[in-house]
């Protein structure tokens, strides 16, 4: 069975204690590789390597750093199909999705920031007749990047790329649920000539080494994407140590549909925003709020489209693949049962599936629509993070704003209307860090990405990411 290895000080290394974990293919429920069960001594070795490499990498000319990062992008691109197969195998998502979205976006993330650092400028402020201030931005030193399992390489690269181009050395932890493409990235970094110690990738249980990373005195900043409860844990440890924190956490995103929308365009996109990647995207719209005049029309059309979606082997041309793990599979099913107890009516799905052939023991759930729930029930308030959406009607603008803002989360919202004034008013009133009008997941990497309330702290993307991974220093010169 293949063994995934840690990447520390430029080399692929077995965990020091020699312990491994099974890596399960969600489509079959069977182990296909072994993951390092790393511990504190592996983290210490990675941090020491990063610390030793820090000065040389920080002082390397930015163009040279950018050239190396571009080589990493080219290295992933040259092994595109291998990365696609690995991501689908590890995560359970259909191969076509990894081929269209995950791996190309990872390539783009490295290229985007390799280019961006070459335009990242310092500031100066002239004080008339007195002097001038100028502000430098220098890398922090050793930083930690912790990524989730839903978009493994996509979100791993989204953190690592800006940290590296800004001149930091990184200790990175991919989730133990989907480690394979992070391991392949290690091989690409070696081939690209990334200096030893600049990037270190340590695999293992978050429950075992997460606190070690958060507590380590030589790690000065942490960028984390994942669940809100884990984010709270990291903040409780790191904040008293005055580490910089970027926390991209959960979402319970509203999709707001007005009667004047372009119905066909809306229906096609809402199908995606509800169930793409098995609903395992923090930006998916899991609460669908529909203006009453078109509620029945929408319900009938949406149920028909959802029932036609295919679920099965990620190696085949299906719409939805497998849920990422057995634990998450069981969690999603428990929420479907909770929705029934809370008075919900299942309009589509609501059950586990057993595809024939090699996937009969995999983790598959039919895309599920639930109607008839109160706006503040647990099903509508808590993040399920699966192929489950609720639908409900609304009558007034004030009502739907209240519904949309009821959740403790405030990550993203989609608004569907052809009324320009209404679109602006809704976008201003709804408490989310990202608002899409007549679209979903249309991303410009230059824009700030992140949420309000319990959806996180800070922003990623564009200059926001490069600012996070640098420290400003103001220097005042008196004439």
Protein backbone atom coordinates (compact mmCIF):
# COMPACT_ATOMS: atom_id res chain seq x y z
CA UNK A 1 0.00 0.00 0.00
CA UNK A 2 1.33 3.44 -0.96
CA UNK A 3 2.76 5.53 1.88
CA UNK A 4 2.30 9.27 1.84
CA UNK A 5 5.29 11.06 3.38
CA UNK A 6 5.93 14.36 5.12
CA UNK A 7 7.88 17.06 3.29
CA UNK A 8 10.37 18.61 5.69
CA UNK A 9 13.54 20.57 4.91
CA UNK A 10 13.23 19.80 1.22
CA UNK A 11 12.98 16.03 1.63
CA UNK A 12 10.22 13.43 1.80
CA UNK A 13 10.37 11.90 5.26
CA UNK A 14 8.55 9.20 7.21
CA UNK A 15 7.02 10.30 10.53
CA UNK A 16 9.66 10.11 13.25
CA UNK A 17 7.58 7.77 15.42
CA UNK A 18 6.89 5.50 12.44
CA UNK A 19 3.10 5.56 12.86
CA UNK A 20 0.59 5.73 10.02
CA UNK A 21 -3.16 6.14 9.49
CA UNK A 22 -5.38 4.53 6.86
CA UNK A 23 -6.42 6.79 4.02
CA UNK A 24 -9.93 5.86 2.86
CA UNK A 25 -11.37 6.25 -0.62
CA UNK A 26 -14.89 7.60 0.10
CA UNK A 27 -16.35 6.11 -3.06
CA UNK A 28 -15.54 2.57 -1.88
CA UNK A 29 -15.03 2.87 1.88
CA UNK A 30 -11.69 1.07 1.48
CA UNK A 31 -8.18 2.13 2.48
CA UNK A 32 -5.87 2.73 -0.47
CA UNK A 33 -2.86 4.42 1.15
CA UNK A 34 -1.23 5.27 4.47
CA UNK A 35 -0.85 8.74 5.97
CA UNK A 36 1.82 9.81 8.48
CA UNK A 37 0.43 9.95 12.00
CA UNK A 38 2.77 12.81 12.84
CA UNK A 39 3.30 14.21 16.31
CA UNK A 40 5.01 17.12 18.07
CA UNK A 41 8.53 16.04 17.12
CA UNK A 42 7.64 16.17 13.40
CA UNK A 43 6.20 19.67 13.84
CA UNK A 44 9.31 20.76 15.76
CA UNK A 45 11.54 19.48 12.95
CA UNK A 46 9.43 21.31 10.34
CA UNK A 47 9.48 24.58 12.28
CA UNK A 48 13.23 24.32 12.82
CA UNK A 49 13.74 23.83 9.08
CA UNK A 50 11.50 26.78 8.28
CA UNK A 51 13.26 28.98 10.82
CA UNK A 52 16.69 28.09 9.42
CA UNK A 53 15.58 28.94 5.88
CA UNK A 54 13.71 32.10 6.83
CA UNK A 55 16.36 34.80 6.47
CA UNK A 56 17.64 33.68 3.07
CA UNK A 57 14.13 33.32 1.62
CA UNK A 58 12.95 36.66 3.02
CA UNK A 59 15.97 38.45 1.57
CA UNK A 60 15.78 36.77 -1.84
CA UNK A 61 14.77 39.21 -4.56
CA UNK A 62 11.02 39.05 -5.09
CA UNK A 63 11.40 38.31 -8.79
CA UNK A 64 13.45 35.21 -8.02
CA UNK A 65 10.87 34.05 -5.48
CA UNK A 66 8.13 34.65 -8.05
CA UNK A 67 10.02 32.62 -10.65
CA UNK A 68 10.23 29.61 -8.31
CA UNK A 69 6.53 29.87 -7.46
CA UNK A 70 5.71 29.99 -11.18
CA UNK A 71 7.72 26.78 -11.61
CA UNK A 72 5.50 25.15 -8.98
CA UNK A 73 2.42 26.20 -10.98
CA UNK A 74 3.94 24.78 -14.15
CA UNK A 75 4.86 21.57 -12.32
CA UNK A 76 1.26 20.98 -11.23
CA UNK A 77 0.02 21.81 -14.71
CA UNK A 78 2.42 19.31 -16.31
CA UNK A 79 0.97 16.57 -14.08
CA UNK A 80 -2.62 17.75 -14.40
CA UNK A 81 -4.29 14.40 -14.96
CA UNK A 82 -2.36 12.77 -12.11
CA UNK A 83 -3.52 15.52 -9.74
CA UNK A 84 -7.10 15.21 -11.03
CA UNK A 85 -7.17 11.46 -10.40
CA UNK A 86 -5.63 11.89 -6.94
CA UNK A 87 -8.12 14.58 -5.90
CA UNK A 88 -11.11 12.56 -7.04
CA UNK A 89 -9.81 9.36 -5.44
CA UNK A 90 -9.07 11.09 -2.14
CA UNK A 91 -12.11 13.35 -1.87
CA UNK A 92 -14.88 11.46 -3.68
CA UNK A 93 -15.68 14.34 -6.04
CA UNK A 94 -16.31 13.58 -9.72
CA UNK A 95 -13.19 13.64 -11.86
CA UNK A 96 -14.73 16.21 -14.20
CA UNK A 97 -15.07 18.65 -11.29
CA UNK A 98 -11.46 18.26 -10.21
CA UNK A 99 -10.43 18.66 -13.86
CA UNK A 100 -12.52 21.78 -14.45
CA UNK A 101 -12.19 23.51 -11.08
CA UNK A 102 -9.89 22.20 -8.34
CA UNK A 103 -6.58 21.60 -10.06
CA UNK A 104 -6.72 24.47 -12.60
CA UNK A 105 -7.58 26.83 -9.75
CA UNK A 106 -4.58 25.58 -7.73
CA UNK A 107 -2.34 26.32 -10.71
CA UNK A 108 -3.94 29.76 -11.04
CA UNK A 109 -3.46 30.50 -7.33
CA UNK A 110 0.31 30.04 -7.59
CA UNK A 111 0.48 32.04 -10.84
CA UNK A 112 -1.74 34.83 -9.53
CA UNK A 113 0.37 35.49 -6.44
CA UNK A 114 3.67 35.00 -8.30
CA UNK A 115 2.53 37.88 -10.49
CA UNK A 116 0.92 39.85 -7.69
CA UNK A 117 4.05 40.16 -5.54
CA UNK A 118 5.72 41.99 -8.41
CA UNK A 119 3.15 44.79 -8.09
CA UNK A 120 2.85 44.90 -4.30
CA UNK A 121 3.94 48.41 -3.33
CA UNK A 122 4.88 50.25 -0.18
CA UNK A 123 3.34 53.58 0.86
CA UNK A 124 4.72 57.03 1.57
CA UNK A 125 3.04 60.01 3.21
CA UNK A 126 4.44 63.50 2.75
CA UNK A 127 4.12 65.95 5.68
CA UNK A 128 4.26 69.42 4.18
CA UNK A 129 7.52 71.12 5.14
CA UNK A 130 8.19 68.66 7.97
CA UNK A 131 9.28 65.37 6.49
CA UNK A 132 8.09 62.13 5.02
CA UNK A 133 6.82 58.76 6.25
CA UNK A 134 7.35 55.59 4.32
CA UNK A 135 5.96 52.17 5.20
CA UNK A 136 7.78 48.95 4.47
CA UNK A 137 6.14 45.53 4.48
CA UNK A 138 8.37 42.63 5.46
CA UNK A 139 7.60 38.93 5.79
CA UNK A 140 6.53 37.70 9.21
CA UNK A 141 8.91 34.73 9.37
CA UNK A 142 7.50 31.26 10.01
CA UNK A 143 3.76 30.94 9.40
CA UNK A 144 1.29 28.05 9.50
CA UNK A 145 -1.27 27.24 6.79
CA UNK A 146 -4.02 24.76 7.66
CA UNK A 147 -6.42 23.69 4.91
CA UNK A 148 -9.73 21.76 4.81
CA UNK A 149 -10.86 18.64 2.94
CA UNK A 150 -13.56 19.98 0.62
CA UNK A 151 -11.29 21.66 -1.96
CA UNK A 152 -7.97 20.17 -0.86
CA UNK A 153 -5.31 21.52 -3.23
CA UNK A 154 -7.42 24.51 -4.31
CA UNK A 155 -7.55 25.94 -0.76
CA UNK A 156 -4.11 24.65 0.27
CA UNK A 157 -2.52 26.64 -2.56
CA UNK A 158 -4.74 29.66 -1.82
CA UNK A 159 -2.88 30.00 1.50
CA UNK A 160 0.60 28.74 0.67
CA UNK A 161 1.13 30.80 -2.48
CA UNK A 162 0.75 34.29 -0.93
CA UNK A 163 2.68 33.24 2.18
CA UNK A 164 5.63 32.08 0.10
CA UNK A 165 5.76 34.93 -2.42
CA UNK A 166 5.64 37.43 0.47
CA UNK A 167 8.88 35.88 1.77
CA UNK A 168 7.64 33.69 4.61
CA UNK A 169 8.60 30.11 5.33
CA UNK A 170 5.60 27.84 5.83
CA UNK A 171 4.64 24.90 7.99
CA UNK A 172 1.54 23.56 6.26
CA UNK A 173 -0.93 20.96 7.45
CA UNK A 174 -3.37 19.42 4.99
CA UNK A 175 -6.35 17.67 6.51
CA UNK A 176 -5.81 13.99 7.24
CA UNK A 177 -9.02 13.26 5.32
CA UNK A 178 -7.63 14.31 1.91
CA UNK A 179 -3.80 14.43 1.97
CA UNK A 180 -2.90 13.00 -1.42
CA UNK A 181 -2.56 16.11 -3.61
CA UNK A 182 -0.57 17.88 -0.87
CA UNK A 183 1.87 14.97 -1.07
CA UNK A 184 2.08 15.33 -4.86
CA UNK A 185 2.69 19.06 -4.33
CA UNK A 186 5.73 18.12 -2.23
CA UNK A 187 7.16 16.28 -5.23
CA UNK A 188 6.48 19.27 -7.47
CA UNK A 189 8.25 21.64 -5.04
CA UNK A 190 11.35 19.46 -5.02
CA UNK A 191 11.39 19.38 -8.83
CA UNK A 192 10.87 23.17 -8.99
CA UNK A 193 13.96 23.80 -6.87
CA UNK A 194 12.18 25.39 -3.92
CA UNK A 195 14.94 25.92 -1.32
CA UNK A 196 15.03 23.50 1.58
CA UNK A 197 12.87 24.45 4.56
CA UNK A 198 10.87 27.14 2.76
CA UNK A 199 7.76 24.95 2.62
CA UNK A 200 7.20 22.05 5.00
CA UNK A 201 4.10 19.84 4.76
CA UNK A 202 3.28 17.74 7.82
CA UNK A 203 0.47 15.18 7.65
CA UNK A 204 -1.51 13.88 10.60
CA UNK A 205 -4.52 14.25 12.83
CA UNK A 206 -5.71 17.77 13.52
CA UNK A 207 -6.67 16.65 17.02
CA UNK A 208 -3.07 15.56 17.60
CA UNK A 209 -0.90 18.20 15.96
CA UNK A 210 -3.30 21.12 15.56
CA UNK A 211 -2.70 22.41 19.06
CA UNK A 212 1.04 21.83 18.65
CA UNK A 213 1.04 24.16 15.65
CA UNK A 214 -1.09 26.77 17.41
CA UNK A 215 1.08 26.71 20.53
CA UNK A 216 4.48 26.72 18.84
CA UNK A 217 6.30 29.93 19.84
CA UNK A 218 8.20 30.17 16.56
CA UNK A 219 5.04 30.19 14.41
CA UNK A 220 4.00 33.83 14.24
CA UNK A 221 0.83 33.67 12.14
CA UNK A 222 -1.83 31.09 11.34
CA UNK A 223 -4.11 30.97 8.31
CA UNK A 224 -6.89 28.42 8.80
CA UNK A 225 -9.90 27.34 6.77
CA UNK A 226 -12.34 24.89 8.33
CA UNK A 227 -15.09 24.48 10.88
CA UNK A 228 -16.10 27.26 13.26
CA UNK A 229 -15.52 25.14 16.38
CA UNK A 230 -11.94 24.37 15.30
CA UNK A 231 -11.41 28.03 14.48
CA UNK A 232 -12.50 28.97 17.99
CA UNK A 233 -10.03 26.46 19.40
CA UNK A 234 -7.16 27.88 17.36
CA UNK A 235 -8.08 31.45 18.34
CA UNK A 236 -8.27 30.55 22.03
CA UNK A 237 -4.69 29.29 21.89
CA UNK A 238 -3.08 31.66 19.41
CA UNK A 239 -4.72 34.99 20.31
CA UNK A 240 -3.20 35.19 23.83
CA UNK A 241 0.18 34.58 22.17
CA UNK A 242 -0.49 37.59 19.88
CA UNK A 243 -0.16 35.59 16.68
CA UNK A 244 -1.74 36.99 13.54
CA UNK A 245 -4.87 35.04 12.65
CA UNK A 246 -6.86 34.58 9.47
CA UNK A 247 -9.84 32.29 10.05
CA UNK A 248 -12.17 31.36 7.19
CA UNK A 249 -14.91 29.38 8.90
CA UNK A 250 -18.43 28.08 8.34
CA UNK A 251 -21.40 29.31 6.38
CA UNK A 252 -25.17 28.88 6.22
CA UNK A 253 -25.64 30.90 3.10
CA UNK A 254 -28.97 32.30 1.88
CA UNK A 255 -30.03 32.26 -1.76
CA UNK A 256 -32.62 35.02 -2.23
CA UNK A 257 -34.85 34.68 -5.31
CA UNK A 258 -37.21 37.49 -6.33
CA UNK A 259 -40.18 37.04 -8.68
CA UNK A 260 -38.65 39.30 -11.35
CA UNK A 261 -35.53 37.16 -11.78
CA UNK A 262 -34.39 35.56 -15.02
CA UNK A 263 -35.99 32.26 -14.06
CA UNK A 264 -34.14 29.86 -16.36
CA UNK A 265 -30.73 31.35 -15.62
CA UNK A 266 -31.51 31.35 -11.89
CA UNK A 267 -32.70 27.75 -11.85
CA UNK A 268 -29.60 26.46 -13.63
CA UNK A 269 -27.25 28.33 -11.30
CA UNK A 270 -29.13 27.53 -8.07
CA UNK A 271 -28.88 23.85 -8.95
CA UNK A 272 -25.09 24.31 -8.92
CA UNK A 273 -24.96 26.55 -5.86
CA UNK A 274 -26.95 24.00 -3.89
CA UNK A 275 -25.18 20.76 -4.78
CA UNK A 276 -21.83 21.31 -6.47
CA UNK A 277 -19.08 19.21 -4.85
CA UNK A 278 -21.86 17.31 -3.01
CA UNK A 279 -22.79 20.59 -1.29
CA UNK A 280 -19.39 20.53 0.40
CA UNK A 281 -18.37 24.10 -0.44
CA UNK A 282 -18.50 26.75 2.26
CA UNK A 283 -20.13 29.06 -0.31
CA UNK A 284 -23.03 26.75 -1.24
CA UNK A 285 -26.48 28.27 -0.76
CA UNK A 286 -28.20 25.92 1.67
CA UNK A 287 -31.16 28.20 2.59
CA UNK A 288 -33.23 29.05 -0.48
CA UNK A 289 -35.67 31.93 0.07
CA UNK A 290 -38.18 32.45 -2.75
CA UNK A 291 -40.64 35.32 -3.25
CA UNK A 292 -44.14 33.89 -2.91
CA UNK A 293 -45.52 34.68 -6.41
CA UNK A 294 -43.04 32.22 -7.98
CA UNK A 295 -42.57 29.85 -5.02
CA UNK A 296 -44.69 26.99 -6.39
CA UNK A 297 -43.24 27.37 -9.88
CA UNK A 298 -39.73 27.28 -8.46
CA UNK A 299 -40.47 24.33 -6.21
CA UNK A 300 -41.84 22.20 -9.02
CA UNK A 301 -39.02 23.03 -11.43
CA UNK A 302 -36.28 22.68 -8.79
CA UNK A 303 -37.53 19.32 -7.51
CA UNK A 304 -37.71 18.00 -11.06
CA UNK A 305 -34.12 19.12 -11.81
CA UNK A 306 -32.75 17.75 -8.53
CA UNK A 307 -34.39 14.36 -8.99
CA UNK A 308 -32.70 14.13 -12.40
CA UNK A 309 -29.20 14.58 -10.94
CA UNK A 310 -27.03 11.49 -11.08
CA UNK A 311 -25.04 10.27 -8.07
CA UNK A 312 -22.37 7.60 -8.27
CA UNK A 313 -18.82 6.55 -9.03
CA UNK A 314 -16.60 9.67 -9.31
CA UNK A 315 -14.78 7.96 -12.19
CA UNK A 316 -17.94 8.19 -14.28
CA UNK A 317 -19.88 11.13 -15.75
CA UNK A 318 -22.08 11.76 -12.71
CA UNK A 319 -23.32 15.03 -11.24
CA UNK A 320 -22.46 14.17 -7.63
CA UNK A 321 -19.84 11.84 -6.22
CA UNK A 322 -19.25 10.51 -2.72
CA UNK A 323 -19.39 12.28 0.63
CA UNK A 324 -15.84 12.80 1.87
CA UNK A 325 -15.82 10.41 4.87
CA UNK A 326 -17.95 8.01 6.85
CA UNK A 327 -18.16 10.41 9.80
CA UNK A 328 -19.38 13.24 7.60
CA UNK A 329 -21.78 10.92 5.76
CA UNK A 330 -23.37 9.97 9.09
CA UNK A 331 -23.51 13.60 10.22
CA UNK A 332 -25.42 14.66 7.09
CA UNK A 333 -27.91 11.80 7.46
CA UNK A 334 -28.45 12.75 11.11
CA UNK A 335 -29.41 16.29 10.04
CA UNK A 336 -31.91 14.90 7.53
CA UNK A 337 -33.53 12.94 10.38
CA UNK A 338 -33.46 16.06 12.55
CA UNK A 339 -35.25 18.01 9.82
CA UNK A 340 -38.05 15.43 9.82
CA UNK A 341 -38.36 15.73 13.60
CA UNK A 342 -38.53 19.53 13.24
CA UNK A 343 -41.52 19.18 10.90
CA UNK A 344 -39.78 19.30 7.55
CA UNK A 345 -41.12 17.57 4.44
CA UNK A 346 -38.63 15.83 2.16
CA UNK A 347 -39.37 16.86 -1.44
CA UNK A 348 -36.40 15.08 -3.01
CA UNK A 349 -33.66 12.77 -1.77
CA UNK A 350 -33.35 12.37 1.96
CA UNK A 351 -31.64 9.00 1.79
CA UNK A 352 -28.30 7.24 1.41
CA UNK A 353 -27.53 5.53 -1.88
CA UNK A 354 -25.63 2.37 -2.76
CA UNK A 355 -24.38 2.51 -6.35
CA UNK A 356 -23.79 -0.85 -7.98
CA UNK A 357 -20.32 -2.26 -8.53
CA UNK A 358 -17.19 -1.08 -6.78
CA UNK A 359 -19.01 1.74 -4.93
CA UNK A 360 -21.63 -0.32 -3.09
CA UNK A 361 -19.93 0.37 0.26
CA UNK A 362 -19.14 4.01 -0.45
CA UNK A 363 -20.63 7.13 1.15
CA UNK A 364 -23.34 8.48 -1.15
CA UNK A 365 -26.38 10.65 -0.36
CA UNK A 366 -29.12 11.71 -2.76
CA UNK A 367 -29.40 15.50 -3.20
CA UNK A 368 -32.05 16.56 -0.72
CA UNK A 369 -34.66 19.34 -0.65
CA UNK A 370 -36.61 20.04 2.57
CA UNK A 371 -39.69 22.24 2.89
CA UNK A 372 -41.84 23.40 5.79
CA UNK A 373 -39.23 24.28 8.42
CA UNK A 374 -39.19 27.37 10.62
CA UNK A 375 -36.50 29.92 9.83
CA UNK A 376 -34.77 29.48 13.20
CA UNK A 377 -34.85 25.69 13.59
CA UNK A 378 -31.54 23.84 13.94
CA UNK A 379 -31.66 22.55 10.36
CA UNK A 380 -31.81 26.16 9.13
CA UNK A 381 -29.28 27.50 11.63
CA UNK A 382 -26.49 24.90 11.75
CA UNK A 383 -24.01 24.15 8.98
CA UNK A 384 -24.71 20.73 7.44
CA UNK A 385 -22.12 21.00 4.66
CA UNK A 386 -23.66 18.40 2.39
CA UNK A 387 -26.20 17.94 -0.43
CA UNK A 388 -29.08 19.29 1.67
CA UNK A 389 -31.04 22.51 1.11
CA UNK A 390 -34.17 23.98 2.62
CA UNK A 391 -36.70 26.10 0.72
CA UNK A 392 -39.26 28.57 2.02
CA UNK A 393 -41.33 31.49 0.70
CA UNK A 394 -41.19 35.15 1.70
CA UNK A 395 -43.51 38.09 1.07
CA UNK A 396 -41.62 41.35 1.66
CA UNK A 397 -38.12 42.76 1.36
CA UNK A 398 -37.99 43.36 5.11
CA UNK A 399 -39.00 39.76 5.79
CA UNK A 400 -36.32 38.23 3.57
CA UNK A 401 -33.61 40.49 4.99
CA UNK A 402 -34.55 39.29 8.46
CA UNK A 403 -34.56 35.66 7.29
CA UNK A 404 -31.18 36.00 5.59
CA UNK A 405 -29.58 37.63 8.63
CA UNK A 406 -31.02 35.20 11.21
CA UNK A 407 -28.04 32.85 11.03
CA UNK A 408 -24.95 33.31 13.20
CA UNK A 409 -22.96 32.95 9.97
CA UNK A 410 -22.29 35.64 7.39
CA UNK A 411 -20.14 34.26 4.61
CA UNK A 412 -21.95 34.50 1.26
CA UNK A 413 -25.31 35.25 -0.33
CA UNK A 414 -26.75 35.04 -3.84
CA UNK A 415 -29.47 37.50 -4.86
CA UNK A 416 -31.60 36.97 -7.97
CA UNK A 417 -33.45 40.01 -9.32
CA UNK A 418 -33.55 42.13 -12.48
CA UNK A 419 -34.32 45.24 -10.38
CA UNK A 420 -31.03 47.12 -10.04
CA UNK A 421 -32.18 49.24 -7.10
CA UNK A 422 -33.42 46.20 -5.22
CA UNK A 423 -30.16 44.35 -5.91
CA UNK A 424 -28.13 47.18 -4.36
CA UNK A 425 -30.48 47.53 -1.39
CA UNK A 426 -30.41 43.80 -0.63
CA UNK A 427 -26.64 43.59 -1.05
CA UNK A 428 -26.21 46.43 1.41
CA UNK A 429 -28.63 45.03 4.00
CA UNK A 430 -27.63 41.36 4.06
CA UNK A 431 -24.83 40.63 6.51
CA UNK A 432 -22.40 38.58 4.44
CA UNK A 433 -18.82 39.17 3.37
CA UNK A 434 -19.53 38.09 -0.22
CA UNK A 435 -22.66 38.98 -2.22
CA UNK A 436 -23.33 37.59 -5.68
CA UNK A 437 -26.06 39.20 -7.78
CA UNK A 438 -27.51 37.01 -10.54
CA UNK A 439 -24.56 34.62 -10.30
CA UNK A 440 -22.73 32.31 -7.91
CA UNK A 441 -19.06 31.52 -7.38
CA UNK A 442 -17.97 34.05 -9.97
CA UNK A 443 -14.55 34.78 -8.48
CA UNK A 444 -12.04 37.54 -9.08
CA UNK A 445 -8.92 36.64 -7.09
CA UNK A 446 -8.13 40.32 -6.55
CA UNK A 447 -11.15 40.81 -4.29
CA UNK A 448 -11.26 40.31 -0.50
CA UNK A 449 -12.62 36.90 0.47
CA UNK A 450 -14.11 36.07 3.86
CA UNK A 451 -17.14 36.37 6.10
CA UNK A 452 -18.78 38.26 8.93
CA UNK A 453 -19.97 37.07 12.34
CA UNK A 454 -19.13 33.41 13.02
CA UNK A 455 -17.90 32.92 9.47
CA UNK A 456 -14.45 34.11 10.33
CA UNK A 457 -11.84 36.75 11.04
CA UNK A 458 -9.91 38.64 8.38
CA UNK A 459 -9.91 38.40 4.61
CA UNK A 460 -7.95 36.45 2.01
CA UNK A 461 -7.24 37.13 -1.65
CA UNK A 462 -5.43 39.85 -3.57
CA UNK A 463 -3.67 42.51 -1.53
CA UNK A 464 -5.51 41.31 1.59
CA UNK A 465 -3.53 38.06 1.58
CA UNK A 466 -0.20 39.77 0.96
CA UNK A 467 -0.93 42.26 3.74
CA UNK A 468 -1.81 39.46 6.13
CA UNK A 469 1.46 37.65 5.46
CA UNK A 470 3.59 40.78 5.98
CA UNK A 471 4.25 43.18 8.85
CA UNK A 472 4.07 46.94 8.16
CA UNK A 473 6.75 49.22 9.59
CA UNK A 474 6.38 53.00 9.39
CA UNK A 475 9.60 55.05 9.18
CA UNK A 476 9.39 58.81 9.75
CA UNK A 477 12.15 61.09 8.42
CA UNK A 478 12.19 64.72 9.63
CA UNK A 479 13.62 67.23 7.19
